Amino acid sequence: MIDQLITNILKKRNPSVVGLDTKLEYLPDFLIEKYCSKEPSLKNAVLAIQEFNKRIIDEVYDLIPAIKLQIAYYEMYGIDGLKAFLETARYAREKGLIVISDVKRNDIGPTAEAYSTAYLGKTQVKGVRHEVFSSDFITVNPYLGIDGIKPFIDDCNKYNKGIFVLVKTSNPSSGEFQDLLVQNKPLYQYVGEKVREWGNDSLGNFGYSRVGAVVGATYPKQLAELRKIMPNTFFLIPGYGAQGGKAQDILQCFDRRGLGAIVNASRSVICAYRRKEWEKVFSPQQFAQASRGEVLRMKKEFEKLWE
């Protein structure tokens, strides 16, 4: 799947990914009223979210290689929210997009295997295998060590999927643990070394492993350090856009082919219709077109880096 992701990036000439981290408050009022004015139920809220997601996908699928779904935004709406998560993933796949599920799973033994089965593998029912959550990649937490990672790697190899391991995250307090010095070296560097080791046996045709790393755009110095530690690791880079990360900050993550990372933007894209530069051009009813405009702006920003 890492090769398919890279193929999509080359085809679209774009390393940026849209994060559909969608909650009701991000939707334009007219869409909320359409579904929730008479009955403000969780089910109706989710119907509004599904329409919002699908309309954005319809506008941007020809420009981007993948979408990222943060499951917390769907879990907050209960069972109906999980259905929307699944429906959005399936719809994106129908449009030819890679689906990255941001679930940050981890545990040990049979529990890790169960998590992996849910998102990367297939669940058996009397000999019939069923794919549960339509994910091509997921994010995982390395804190429990190889016990909590191996089941995911095994399913990646078995089902041609991929993972992105949290290494240096974009949030302001990430350094409380990730920057701690262990024998005069920050902890995130040790994690990066492990990620490189875990991916050594799963390099694809483009030279990158199906075991990737999450490294935030808000820490360009650490990005450069980790690229040296993990030369064959594909990066998922959050923190671009609304969190303050800029394209110039992440240039060092890419090789001469323009490969090596995907850059996630969530609120800056899905809430683009509320931003000054786009609200002058598009009405709230044209929220999806505003999202397309923002994706095109991002795409051009990255193209300029490689001119």
Foldseek 3Di string as FASTA:
>chain_A
DVVLLVVLCVQLVAQAAEELLDFLVLADPVLCCVQPVVPNALLSRLVSSLVLLLLLCVLPLSRHQAYEYELVSQCVSPPSSVVSQQVSLVSSVVSVHAYEYEDQDWDADPVLLVVLCQAQNFDDDPRDTHHHRNHQEYEYECVVDPRTVVSNLVSCVVRVGAYAYEQAAADPCSCVQQQDADVNGGNSLVVLLVLLVSFVVAADPVQAGSRAYEHELNCLVVLLVSCVSRVRHAYEYECPDPNDGDLVSNPNQADLVRGRYHYYDYCCQQSQCVDPVNVVPDPSVCSSVSSSVSSVVNSVRNVVVND
